Amino acid sequence: QQMGDRTAIPQYAYPHMRVICQDAAPIVRASWMRGVSALPNVFAHESWIDELAWRAGEDPIAFRLRYLND
């Protein structure tokens, strides 16, 4: 299991989901951060959700809340 795989699964409960991981060179030196891959993975997930909400013509927060279990 690669470093990025551990945080690649988003916290949202989508009915159909496929996650593809590709390792890339880090943007910043992250050896001192907790959860080394969490920062770029969360940024990628949340940015993608913004794009999906925009395409669906929905409020981004409402779009997110629909897929949270708690």
Protein backbone atom coordinates (compact mmCIF):
# COMPACT_ATOMS: atom_id res chain seq x y z
CA GLN A 1 0.00 0.00 0.00
CA GLN A 2 1.38 3.37 -1.02
CA MET A 3 1.25 6.48 1.17
CA GLY A 4 -1.51 8.13 -0.87
CA ASP A 5 -3.76 5.06 -0.77
CA ARG A 6 -4.45 5.39 2.95
CA THR A 7 -6.43 8.62 2.60
CA ALA A 8 -7.74 8.18 -0.94
CA ILE A 9 -11.21 7.03 0.13
CA PRO A 10 -13.40 10.10 0.75
CA GLN A 11 -15.60 10.50 3.81
CA TYR A 12 -18.70 10.82 1.62
CA ALA A 13 -20.99 7.82 1.02
CA TYR A 14 -21.54 7.78 -2.74
CA PRO A 15 -23.81 5.03 -4.09
CA HIS A 16 -21.34 4.22 -6.89
CA MET A 17 -17.68 4.96 -6.34
CA ARG A 18 -14.37 3.97 -7.90
CA VAL A 19 -11.12 5.37 -6.50
CA ILE A 20 -7.97 5.40 -8.62
CA CYS A 21 -4.66 6.33 -6.97
CA GLN A 22 -1.54 7.50 -8.75
CA ASP A 23 1.54 8.53 -6.82
CA ALA A 24 3.00 11.90 -7.74
CA ALA A 25 5.90 13.95 -6.51
CA PRO A 26 4.87 15.97 -3.44
CA ILE A 27 4.14 19.66 -3.88
CA VAL A 28 5.72 20.56 -0.55
CA ARG A 29 8.03 18.68 1.74
CA ALA A 30 5.54 16.94 4.01
CA SER A 31 7.68 14.86 6.34
CA TRP A 32 6.71 16.98 9.33
CA MET A 33 2.93 16.88 8.70
CA ARG A 34 0.59 14.42 10.34
CA GLY A 35 -1.19 12.46 7.65
CA VAL A 36 1.30 13.08 4.87
CA SER A 37 -1.09 12.37 2.02
CA ALA A 38 -4.24 13.64 3.71
CA LEU A 39 -3.72 17.27 2.73
CA PRO A 40 -3.49 16.81 -1.06
CA ASN A 41 -6.14 14.07 -1.10
CA VAL A 42 -8.71 16.15 0.79
CA PHE A 43 -7.98 19.11 -1.49
CA ALA A 44 -8.57 16.90 -4.54
CA HIS A 45 -11.83 15.44 -3.14
CA GLU A 46 -13.27 18.79 -2.11
CA SER A 47 -12.28 20.50 -5.37
CA TRP A 48 -13.95 17.74 -7.35
CA ILE A 49 -17.11 18.03 -5.26
CA ASP A 50 -17.20 21.77 -6.01
CA GLU A 51 -17.02 20.99 -9.73
CA LEU A 52 -19.76 18.35 -9.50
CA ALA A 53 -22.05 20.68 -7.55
CA TRP A 54 -21.46 23.47 -10.07
CA ARG A 55 -22.27 21.18 -12.99
CA ALA A 56 -25.43 19.99 -11.21
CA GLY A 57 -26.46 23.59 -10.49
CA GLU A 58 -26.56 22.88 -6.76
CA ASP A 59 -25.25 24.57 -3.66
CA PRO A 60 -21.85 22.99 -2.84
CA ILE A 61 -22.65 22.61 0.88
CA ALA A 62 -26.04 21.00 0.24
CA PHE A 63 -24.39 18.70 -2.29
CA ARG A 64 -21.84 17.56 0.32
CA LEU A 65 -24.41 17.11 3.09
CA ARG A 66 -26.45 14.77 0.90
CA TYR A 67 -23.56 12.28 0.87
CA LEU A 68 -22.55 12.40 4.54
CA ASN A 69 -23.84 9.57 6.72
CA ASP A 70 -23.68 11.43 10.00
